[in-house]
Structures are given as structure tokens and as C-alpha cells.
Amino acid sequence: MHKLALATSVALLLAGGAAHAADDKPLPPPDAKKLSEIITKVEQRAGFRYVKEVDWDNGAYTVTYYTSDKAKVEITYDPVTAEPK
């Protein structure tokens, strides 16, 4: 019985630690524009074809997209102004 209780406690601690670690990642500031607003700006760029990836790192969004002539473009956006950095 004690082994079961110990195993359950360890499992709960490990699961809680993993959830806590996910919360340690920096988030966009409270006054940040919606990501959809930034994506809309990207979609309006000349030659836009599709968004490949959006990353949040170092306090900014980096949007990777492709143009109609298959060029890969990466632009970093300020989350508060929604303007390219």
C-alpha cells in the first residue's frame, strides 16, 4: 500500500513539474496586438502565398511565409505595435 501511495505521489510531482515548466516561458505582453492582426498584415504583403510558421521568441513574433514565386520570407514583428522590427 505504501509503495502505491509513493508511486502516485512521485507521478503527481513529476506531472506538476512539467506543467510548471511550461508556464515559465515568456508570454506576449498584456498590451500586445492579437496574433491574427499580425497574420492579416502578412497576408496583405505583395506576392503572399501561405504562412509556414509563427514563432514567439525573444519578445517578438517571427513569421515565416512563402511568396507566389516560392521565396521564403521571415519577418520579426513587435507584439505591441504589430510592426516589423
C-alpha atoms as a PDB file:
ATOM      1  CA  MET A   1       0.000   0.000   0.000  1.00  0.00           C
ATOM      2  CA  HIS A   2       2.829   2.418   0.834  1.00  0.00           C
ATOM      3  CA  LYS A   3       4.503   1.689  -2.496  1.00  0.00           C
ATOM      4  CA  LEU A   4       1.319   2.616  -4.348  1.00  0.00           C
ATOM      5  CA  ALA A   5       0.987   5.864  -2.402  1.00  0.00           C
ATOM      6  CA  LEU A   6       4.650   6.685  -3.004  1.00  0.00           C
ATOM      7  CA  ALA A   7       4.385   5.926  -6.723  1.00  0.00           C
ATOM      8  CA  THR A   8       1.259   8.071  -7.020  1.00  0.00           C
ATOM      9  CA  SER A   9       2.927  10.963  -5.182  1.00  0.00           C
ATOM     10  CA  VAL A  10       6.006  10.796  -7.396  1.00  0.00           C
ATOM     11  CA  ALA A  11       3.853  10.704 -10.528  1.00  0.00           C
ATOM     12  CA  LEU A  12       1.872  13.739  -9.392  1.00  0.00           C
ATOM     13  CA  LEU A  13       5.031  15.669  -8.571  1.00  0.00           C
ATOM     14  CA  LEU A  14       6.555  14.898 -11.960  1.00  0.00           C
ATOM     15  CA  ALA A  15       3.373  15.849 -13.809  1.00  0.00           C
ATOM     16  CA  GLY A  16       3.103  19.069 -11.825  1.00  0.00           C
ATOM     17  CA  GLY A  17       6.729  19.915 -12.526  1.00  0.00           C
ATOM     18  CA  ALA A  18       6.220  19.508 -16.261  1.00  0.00           C
ATOM     19  CA  ALA A  19       3.145  21.741 -16.173  1.00  0.00           C
ATOM     20  CA  HIS A  20       5.021  24.321 -14.143  1.00  0.00           C
ATOM     21  CA  ALA A  21       7.926  24.301 -16.593  1.00  0.00           C
ATOM     22  CA  ALA A  22       5.536  25.132 -19.457  1.00  0.00           C
ATOM     23  CA  ASP A  23       4.375  28.214 -17.534  1.00  0.00           C
ATOM     24  CA  ASP A  24       7.931  29.543 -17.316  1.00  0.00           C
ATOM     25  CA  LYS A  25       8.026  30.500 -20.997  1.00  0.00           C
ATOM     26  CA  PRO A  26       7.678  34.247 -21.553  1.00  0.00           C
ATOM     27  CA  LEU A  27       4.310  35.376 -22.856  1.00  0.00           C
ATOM     28  CA  PRO A  28       3.382  38.335 -25.044  1.00  0.00           C
ATOM     29  CA  PRO A  29       2.780  41.484 -23.004  1.00  0.00           C
ATOM     30  CA  PRO A  30      -0.783  42.318 -21.917  1.00  0.00           C
ATOM     31  CA  ASP A  31      -0.983  45.203 -24.422  1.00  0.00           C
ATOM     32  CA  ALA A  32       0.125  43.038 -27.378  1.00  0.00           C
ATOM     33  CA  LYS A  33      -1.879  43.037 -30.576  1.00  0.00           C
ATOM     34  CA  LYS A  34      -3.747  39.865 -31.456  1.00  0.00           C
ATOM     35  CA  LEU A  35      -1.687  37.407 -33.461  1.00  0.00           C
ATOM     36  CA  SER A  36      -4.488  37.386 -36.044  1.00  0.00           C
ATOM     37  CA  GLU A  37      -3.843  41.116 -36.675  1.00  0.00           C
ATOM     38  CA  ILE A  38      -0.186  40.414 -37.395  1.00  0.00           C
ATOM     39  CA  ILE A  39      -1.026  37.495 -39.683  1.00  0.00           C
ATOM     40  CA  THR A  40      -3.505  39.723 -41.555  1.00  0.00           C
ATOM     41  CA  LYS A  41      -0.669  42.180 -42.236  1.00  0.00           C
ATOM     42  CA  VAL A  42       1.495  39.347 -43.557  1.00  0.00           C
ATOM     43  CA  GLU A  43      -1.304  38.085 -45.800  1.00  0.00           C
ATOM     44  CA  GLN A  44      -1.642  41.554 -47.348  1.00  0.00           C
ATOM     45  CA  ARG A  45       2.012  41.697 -48.419  1.00  0.00           C
ATOM     46  CA  ALA A  46       2.720  41.623 -52.146  1.00  0.00           C
ATOM     47  CA  GLY A  47       3.170  38.124 -53.529  1.00  0.00           C
ATOM     48  CA  PHE A  48       1.979  36.410 -50.344  1.00  0.00           C
ATOM     49  CA  ARG A  49       1.117  32.739 -50.803  1.00  0.00           C
ATOM     50  CA  TYR A  50       0.971  30.995 -47.384  1.00  0.00           C
ATOM     51  CA  VAL A  51       2.232  31.122 -43.799  1.00  0.00           C
ATOM     52  CA  LYS A  52       4.573  28.286 -42.937  1.00  0.00           C
ATOM     53  CA  GLU A  53       5.324  29.005 -39.266  1.00  0.00           C
ATOM     54  CA  VAL A  54       4.930  31.520 -36.454  1.00  0.00           C
ATOM     55  CA  ASP A  55       7.361  31.540 -33.518  1.00  0.00           C
ATOM     56  CA  TRP A  56       7.360  33.506 -30.277  1.00  0.00           C
ATOM     57  CA  ASP A  57      10.919  34.149 -29.096  1.00  0.00           C
ATOM     58  CA  ASN A  58      12.909  36.987 -27.528  1.00  0.00           C
ATOM     59  CA  GLY A  59       9.791  39.096 -27.054  1.00  0.00           C
ATOM     60  CA  ALA A  60       8.697  39.104 -30.693  1.00  0.00           C
ATOM     61  CA  TYR A  61       6.786  37.067 -33.268  1.00  0.00           C
ATOM     62  CA  THR A  62       8.752  35.688 -36.199  1.00  0.00           C
ATOM     63  CA  VAL A  63       6.521  34.829 -39.132  1.00  0.00           C
ATOM     64  CA  THR A  64       7.854  32.590 -41.886  1.00  0.00           C
ATOM     65  CA  TYR A  65       5.888  32.643 -45.117  1.00  0.00           C
ATOM     66  CA  TYR A  66       6.280  31.894 -48.804  1.00  0.00           C
ATOM     67  CA  THR A  67       5.536  34.095 -51.785  1.00  0.00           C
ATOM     68  CA  SER A  68       3.888  33.147 -55.064  1.00  0.00           C
ATOM     69  CA  ASP A  69       7.346  32.825 -56.641  1.00  0.00           C
ATOM     70  CA  LYS A  70       8.306  30.310 -53.892  1.00  0.00           C
ATOM     71  CA  ALA A  71      10.612  32.684 -51.989  1.00  0.00           C
ATOM     72  CA  LYS A  72      10.890  32.059 -48.249  1.00  0.00           C
ATOM     73  CA  VAL A  73      10.447  35.210 -46.137  1.00  0.00           C
ATOM     74  CA  GLU A  74      10.977  35.629 -42.377  1.00  0.00           C
ATOM     75  CA  ILE A  75       9.812  38.809 -40.683  1.00  0.00           C
ATOM     76  CA  THR A  76      10.007  39.612 -36.978  1.00  0.00           C
ATOM     77  CA  TYR A  77       7.122  41.663 -35.567  1.00  0.00           C
ATOM     78  CA  ASP A  78       6.882  43.734 -32.420  1.00  0.00           C
ATOM     79  CA  PRO A  79       3.915  42.315 -30.462  1.00  0.00           C
ATOM     80  CA  VAL A  80       2.708  45.703 -29.181  1.00  0.00           C
ATOM     81  CA  THR A  81       2.905  47.772 -32.379  1.00  0.00           C
ATOM     82  CA  ALA A  82       2.416  44.880 -34.835  1.00  0.00           C
ATOM     83  CA  GLU A  83       5.144  46.498 -36.952  1.00  0.00           C
ATOM     84  CA  PRO A  84       8.229  44.744 -38.339  1.00  0.00           C
ATOM     85  CA  LYS A  85      11.338  45.125 -36.197  1.00  0.00           C
END
